[in-house]
């Protein structure tokens, strides 16, 4: 899919990629979601399917935090307070830990709620707000930053999950 250039395309990408991913996630037996066996988000690490969902949930919550702070006129610590862009492996481990006590169904439910809140935030904004001017680093628009951290990771996660399912006959 091409990179979204407007609100309609962004919503289409997020909803389409999420729906496909959620279908694949729901097909995974809950009994196997905590077993590490998938390449992790940091080089040389492994993760579980539950970790993959925790990672996505963590990023979705960050996007919501960014949008909330922006709406309040507050500064945003990209990617997250206490983390730099070259520390995303450490941030991934934080997300895994943040959600490790949730059941599989809770994780899926929270991810879906977060995605729906992001969709609501996008729907409340204009194309101009989303794509009319740089929002991060003088280069990336708000829409592009949302896409980088929602629809693209959904597609990446789906590819990882499908590879894992094939390798594990799951």
C-alpha atoms as a PDB file:
ATOM      1  CA  UNK A   1       0.000   0.000   0.000  1.00  0.00           C
ATOM      2  CA  UNK A   2       1.209   3.506  -0.808  1.00  0.00           C
ATOM      3  CA  UNK A   3       2.098   5.922   1.978  1.00  0.00           C
ATOM      4  CA  UNK A   4      -1.079   7.726   3.073  1.00  0.00           C
ATOM      5  CA  UNK A   5      -1.233  11.341   1.922  1.00  0.00           C
ATOM      6  CA  UNK A   6      -4.493  12.411   3.545  1.00  0.00           C
ATOM      7  CA  UNK A   7      -6.903  11.618   6.344  1.00  0.00           C
ATOM      8  CA  UNK A   8      -9.003   9.173   4.310  1.00  0.00           C
ATOM      9  CA  UNK A   9      -5.945   7.181   3.192  1.00  0.00           C
ATOM     10  CA  UNK A  10      -4.531   7.175   6.740  1.00  0.00           C
ATOM     11  CA  UNK A  11      -7.774   5.840   8.198  1.00  0.00           C
ATOM     12  CA  UNK A  12      -8.002   3.241   5.422  1.00  0.00           C
ATOM     13  CA  UNK A  13      -4.431   2.067   6.093  1.00  0.00           C
ATOM     14  CA  UNK A  14      -4.868   1.893   9.867  1.00  0.00           C
ATOM     15  CA  UNK A  15      -8.224   0.122   9.790  1.00  0.00           C
ATOM     16  CA  UNK A  16      -7.275  -2.254   6.973  1.00  0.00           C
ATOM     17  CA  UNK A  17      -3.938  -3.311   8.439  1.00  0.00           C
ATOM     18  CA  UNK A  18      -5.395  -3.605  11.929  1.00  0.00           C
ATOM     19  CA  UNK A  19      -8.336  -5.736  10.836  1.00  0.00           C
ATOM     20  CA  UNK A  20      -6.042  -8.170   9.013  1.00  0.00           C
ATOM     21  CA  UNK A  21      -3.665  -8.333  11.988  1.00  0.00           C
ATOM     22  CA  UNK A  22      -6.458  -8.826  14.509  1.00  0.00           C
ATOM     23  CA  UNK A  23      -7.854 -11.708  12.458  1.00  0.00           C
ATOM     24  CA  UNK A  24      -4.460 -13.404  12.508  1.00  0.00           C
ATOM     25  CA  UNK A  25      -3.990 -12.726  16.231  1.00  0.00           C
ATOM     26  CA  UNK A  26      -7.390 -14.175  17.088  1.00  0.00           C
ATOM     27  CA  UNK A  27      -6.412 -17.367  15.241  1.00  0.00           C
ATOM     28  CA  UNK A  28      -3.502 -17.961  17.662  1.00  0.00           C
ATOM     29  CA  UNK A  29      -4.282 -20.350  20.509  1.00  0.00           C
ATOM     30  CA  UNK A  30      -4.076 -18.527  23.839  1.00  0.00           C
ATOM     31  CA  UNK A  31      -2.028 -21.429  25.227  1.00  0.00           C
ATOM     32  CA  UNK A  32       0.932 -20.515  22.997  1.00  0.00           C
ATOM     33  CA  UNK A  33       1.042 -16.734  23.153  1.00  0.00           C
ATOM     34  CA  UNK A  34       3.579 -16.507  25.987  1.00  0.00           C
ATOM     35  CA  UNK A  35       6.218 -18.779  24.436  1.00  0.00           C
ATOM     36  CA  UNK A  36       9.222 -16.837  23.094  1.00  0.00           C
ATOM     37  CA  UNK A  37      10.043 -17.935  19.577  1.00  0.00           C
ATOM     38  CA  UNK A  38       9.790 -14.884  17.388  1.00  0.00           C
ATOM     39  CA  UNK A  39      12.627 -12.483  16.592  1.00  0.00           C
ATOM     40  CA  UNK A  40      12.468  -9.663  19.120  1.00  0.00           C
ATOM     41  CA  UNK A  41      12.496  -5.932  18.548  1.00  0.00           C
ATOM     42  CA  UNK A  42      16.127  -5.675  19.678  1.00  0.00           C
ATOM     43  CA  UNK A  43      18.879  -7.452  17.794  1.00  0.00           C
ATOM     44  CA  UNK A  44      19.604 -10.924  19.125  1.00  0.00           C
ATOM     45  CA  UNK A  45      16.455 -11.163  21.263  1.00  0.00           C
ATOM     46  CA  UNK A  46      13.321 -13.251  21.072  1.00  0.00           C
ATOM     47  CA  UNK A  47       9.781 -12.436  22.036  1.00  0.00           C
ATOM     48  CA  UNK A  48       6.393 -14.044  22.354  1.00  0.00           C
ATOM     49  CA  UNK A  49       3.216 -13.268  20.452  1.00  0.00           C
ATOM     50  CA  UNK A  50       1.948 -11.569  23.630  1.00  0.00           C
ATOM     51  CA  UNK A  51       5.090  -9.400  23.597  1.00  0.00           C
ATOM     52  CA  UNK A  52       4.321  -8.448  20.004  1.00  0.00           C
ATOM     53  CA  UNK A  53       0.852  -7.265  21.018  1.00  0.00           C
ATOM     54  CA  UNK A  54       2.275  -5.441  24.068  1.00  0.00           C
ATOM     55  CA  UNK A  55       4.709  -3.653  21.757  1.00  0.00           C
ATOM     56  CA  UNK A  56       1.898  -2.506  19.478  1.00  0.00           C
ATOM     57  CA  UNK A  57      -0.218  -1.444  22.440  1.00  0.00           C
ATOM     58  CA  UNK A  58       2.693   0.519  23.885  1.00  0.00           C
ATOM     59  CA  UNK A  59       3.220   2.399  20.642  1.00  0.00           C
ATOM     60  CA  UNK A  60      -0.501   3.070  20.241  1.00  0.00           C
ATOM     61  CA  UNK A  61      -0.592   4.540  23.744  1.00  0.00           C
ATOM     62  CA  UNK A  62       2.445   6.682  22.908  1.00  0.00           C
ATOM     63  CA  UNK A  63       0.720   8.047  19.798  1.00  0.00           C
ATOM     64  CA  UNK A  64      -2.277   8.944  21.965  1.00  0.00           C
ATOM     65  CA  UNK A  65       0.031  10.634  24.476  1.00  0.00           C
ATOM     66  CA  UNK A  66       1.674  12.655  21.701  1.00  0.00           C
ATOM     67  CA  UNK A  67      -1.690  13.768  20.326  1.00  0.00           C
ATOM     68  CA  UNK A  68      -2.975  14.657  23.792  1.00  0.00           C
ATOM     69  CA  UNK A  69       0.110  16.709  24.639  1.00  0.00           C
ATOM     70  CA  UNK A  70      -0.039  18.431  21.264  1.00  0.00           C
ATOM     71  CA  UNK A  71      -3.715  19.335  21.780  1.00  0.00           C
ATOM     72  CA  UNK A  72      -2.793  20.842  25.151  1.00  0.00           C
ATOM     73  CA  UNK A  73       0.074  22.841  23.632  1.00  0.00           C
ATOM     74  CA  UNK A  74       2.603  20.895  25.692  1.00  0.00           C
ATOM     75  CA  UNK A  75       6.014  19.737  24.464  1.00  0.00           C
ATOM     76  CA  UNK A  76       6.323  16.139  23.318  1.00  0.00           C
ATOM     77  CA  UNK A  77       9.278  13.957  24.250  1.00  0.00           C
ATOM     78  CA  UNK A  78       9.688  11.861  21.110  1.00  0.00           C
ATOM     79  CA  UNK A  79       9.679   8.923  21.214  1.00  0.00           C
ATOM     80  CA  UNK A  80       9.024   8.771  24.987  1.00  0.00           C
ATOM     81  CA  UNK A  81      10.270  10.538  28.097  1.00  0.00           C
ATOM     82  CA  UNK A  82      13.591   8.969  29.065  1.00  0.00           C
ATOM     83  CA  UNK A  83      14.139   7.272  25.689  1.00  0.00           C
ATOM     84  CA  UNK A  84      15.933   8.281  22.512  1.00  0.00           C
ATOM     85  CA  UNK A  85      15.191   6.981  19.022  1.00  0.00           C
ATOM     86  CA  UNK A  86      18.325   4.799  19.194  1.00  0.00           C
ATOM     87  CA  UNK A  87      16.950   3.078  22.336  1.00  0.00           C
ATOM     88  CA  UNK A  88      13.874   1.470  20.827  1.00  0.00           C
ATOM     89  CA  UNK A  89      14.939  -2.006  21.949  1.00  0.00           C
ATOM     90  CA  UNK A  90      14.915  -0.788  25.549  1.00  0.00           C
ATOM     91  CA  UNK A  91      11.528   0.852  24.948  1.00  0.00           C
ATOM     92  CA  UNK A  92      10.196  -2.429  23.522  1.00  0.00           C
ATOM     93  CA  UNK A  93      11.292  -4.251  26.684  1.00  0.00           C
ATOM     94  CA  UNK A  94       9.480  -1.589  28.737  1.00  0.00           C
ATOM     95  CA  UNK A  95       6.288  -2.241  26.756  1.00  0.00           C
ATOM     96  CA  UNK A  96       6.624  -6.000  27.251  1.00  0.00           C
ATOM     97  CA  UNK A  97       6.923  -5.433  31.024  1.00  0.00           C
ATOM     98  CA  UNK A  98       4.099  -2.860  31.121  1.00  0.00           C
ATOM     99  CA  UNK A  99       1.565  -5.387  29.856  1.00  0.00           C
ATOM    100  CA  UNK A 100       2.990  -8.734  31.015  1.00  0.00           C
ATOM    101  CA  UNK A 101       0.245  -9.291  33.591  1.00  0.00           C
ATOM    102  CA  UNK A 102      -2.614  -8.949  31.114  1.00  0.00           C
ATOM    103  CA  UNK A 103      -4.400 -11.982  29.773  1.00  0.00           C
ATOM    104  CA  UNK A 104      -4.360 -12.634  26.031  1.00  0.00           C
ATOM    105  CA  UNK A 105      -7.951 -11.422  25.656  1.00  0.00           C
ATOM    106  CA  UNK A 106      -7.219  -8.299  27.709  1.00  0.00           C
ATOM    107  CA  UNK A 107      -4.204  -7.506  25.529  1.00  0.00           C
ATOM    108  CA  UNK A 108      -6.218  -7.855  22.347  1.00  0.00           C
ATOM    109  CA  UNK A 109      -9.062  -5.811  23.796  1.00  0.00           C
ATOM    110  CA  UNK A 110      -6.780  -3.008  24.965  1.00  0.00           C
ATOM    111  CA  UNK A 111      -5.005  -2.903  21.604  1.00  0.00           C
ATOM    112  CA  UNK A 112      -8.326  -2.617  19.815  1.00  0.00           C
ATOM    113  CA  UNK A 113      -9.493   0.146  22.187  1.00  0.00           C
ATOM    114  CA  UNK A 114      -6.263   2.096  21.676  1.00  0.00           C
ATOM    115  CA  UNK A 115      -6.526   1.766  17.898  1.00  0.00           C
ATOM    116  CA  UNK A 116     -10.139   2.961  18.041  1.00  0.00           C
ATOM    117  CA  UNK A 117      -9.126   5.984  20.133  1.00  0.00           C
ATOM    118  CA  UNK A 118      -6.444   6.837  17.575  1.00  0.00           C
ATOM    119  CA  UNK A 119      -9.038   6.575  14.795  1.00  0.00           C
ATOM    120  CA  UNK A 120     -11.256   8.950  16.782  1.00  0.00           C
ATOM    121  CA  UNK A 121      -8.381  11.406  17.152  1.00  0.00           C
ATOM    122  CA  UNK A 122      -7.706  11.292  13.422  1.00  0.00           C
ATOM    123  CA  UNK A 123     -11.385  11.736  12.591  1.00  0.00           C
ATOM    124  CA  UNK A 124     -11.482  14.875  14.748  1.00  0.00           C
ATOM    125  CA  UNK A 125      -8.684  16.507  12.752  1.00  0.00           C
ATOM    126  CA  UNK A 126      -8.583  18.027   9.293  1.00  0.00           C
ATOM    127  CA  UNK A 127      -6.311  17.054   6.419  1.00  0.00           C
ATOM    128  CA  UNK A 128      -4.494  20.325   7.069  1.00  0.00           C
ATOM    129  CA  UNK A 129      -3.829  19.437  10.701  1.00  0.00           C
ATOM    130  CA  UNK A 130      -2.675  15.949   9.759  1.00  0.00           C
ATOM    131  CA  UNK A 131      -0.685  16.694   6.604  1.00  0.00           C
ATOM    132  CA  UNK A 132      -0.450  20.456   6.156  1.00  0.00           C
ATOM    133  CA  UNK A 133       2.754  21.200   8.034  1.00  0.00           C
ATOM    134  CA  UNK A 134       5.720  19.521   9.696  1.00  0.00           C
ATOM    135  CA  UNK A 135       4.987  18.253  13.187  1.00  0.00           C
ATOM    136  CA  UNK A 136       8.148  16.408  14.173  1.00  0.00           C
ATOM    137  CA  UNK A 137      11.724  17.205  13.299  1.00  0.00           C
ATOM    138  CA  UNK A 138      10.771  19.833  10.742  1.00  0.00           C
ATOM    139  CA  UNK A 139      10.074  17.038   8.292  1.00  0.00           C
ATOM    140  CA  UNK A 140       7.340  14.638   9.378  1.00  0.00           C
ATOM    141  CA  UNK A 141       3.683  15.609   9.474  1.00  0.00           C
ATOM    142  CA  UNK A 142       1.353  14.500  12.232  1.00  0.00           C
ATOM    143  CA  UNK A 143      -0.323  12.082   9.829  1.00  0.00           C
ATOM    144  CA  UNK A 144       2.995  10.542   8.832  1.00  0.00           C
ATOM    145  CA  UNK A 145       4.085  10.136  12.468  1.00  0.00           C
ATOM    146  CA  UNK A 146       0.776   8.447  13.266  1.00  0.00           C
ATOM    147  CA  UNK A 147       1.177   6.136  10.255  1.00  0.00           C
ATOM    148  CA  UNK A 148       4.798   5.301  11.190  1.00  0.00           C
ATOM    149  CA  UNK A 149       3.577   4.112  14.574  1.00  0.00           C
ATOM    150  CA  UNK A 150       0.242   2.439  13.759  1.00  0.00           C
ATOM    151  CA  UNK A 151      -0.497   1.067  10.296  1.00  0.00           C
ATOM    152  CA  UNK A 152       3.136   0.323   9.405  1.00  0.00           C
ATOM    153  CA  UNK A 153       3.815  -1.611  12.634  1.00  0.00           C
ATOM    154  CA  UNK A 154       0.503  -3.448  12.207  1.00  0.00           C
ATOM    155  CA  UNK A 155       1.647  -4.654   8.779  1.00  0.00           C
ATOM    156  CA  UNK A 156       5.100  -5.548  10.118  1.00  0.00           C
ATOM    157  CA  UNK A 157       3.585  -7.427  13.063  1.00  0.00           C
ATOM    158  CA  UNK A 158       1.294  -9.356  10.746  1.00  0.00           C
ATOM    159  CA  UNK A 159       4.271 -10.442   8.624  1.00  0.00           C
ATOM    160  CA  UNK A 160       6.181 -11.532  11.754  1.00  0.00           C
ATOM    161  CA  UNK A 161       3.145 -13.388  13.065  1.00  0.00           C
ATOM    162  CA  UNK A 162       2.482 -15.182   9.798  1.00  0.00           C
ATOM    163  CA  UNK A 163       6.144 -16.262   9.598  1.00  0.00           C
ATOM    164  CA  UNK A 164       5.972 -17.498  13.213  1.00  0.00           C
ATOM    165  CA  UNK A 165       2.707 -19.355  12.596  1.00  0.00           C
ATOM    166  CA  UNK A 166       4.151 -21.076   9.513  1.00  0.00           C
ATOM    167  CA  UNK A 167       7.343 -22.089  11.352  1.00  0.00           C
ATOM    168  CA  UNK A 168       5.352 -23.401  14.318  1.00  0.00           C
ATOM    169  CA  UNK A 169       2.403 -24.906  12.444  1.00  0.00           C
ATOM    170  CA  UNK A 170       0.216 -22.645  14.589  1.00  0.00           C
END
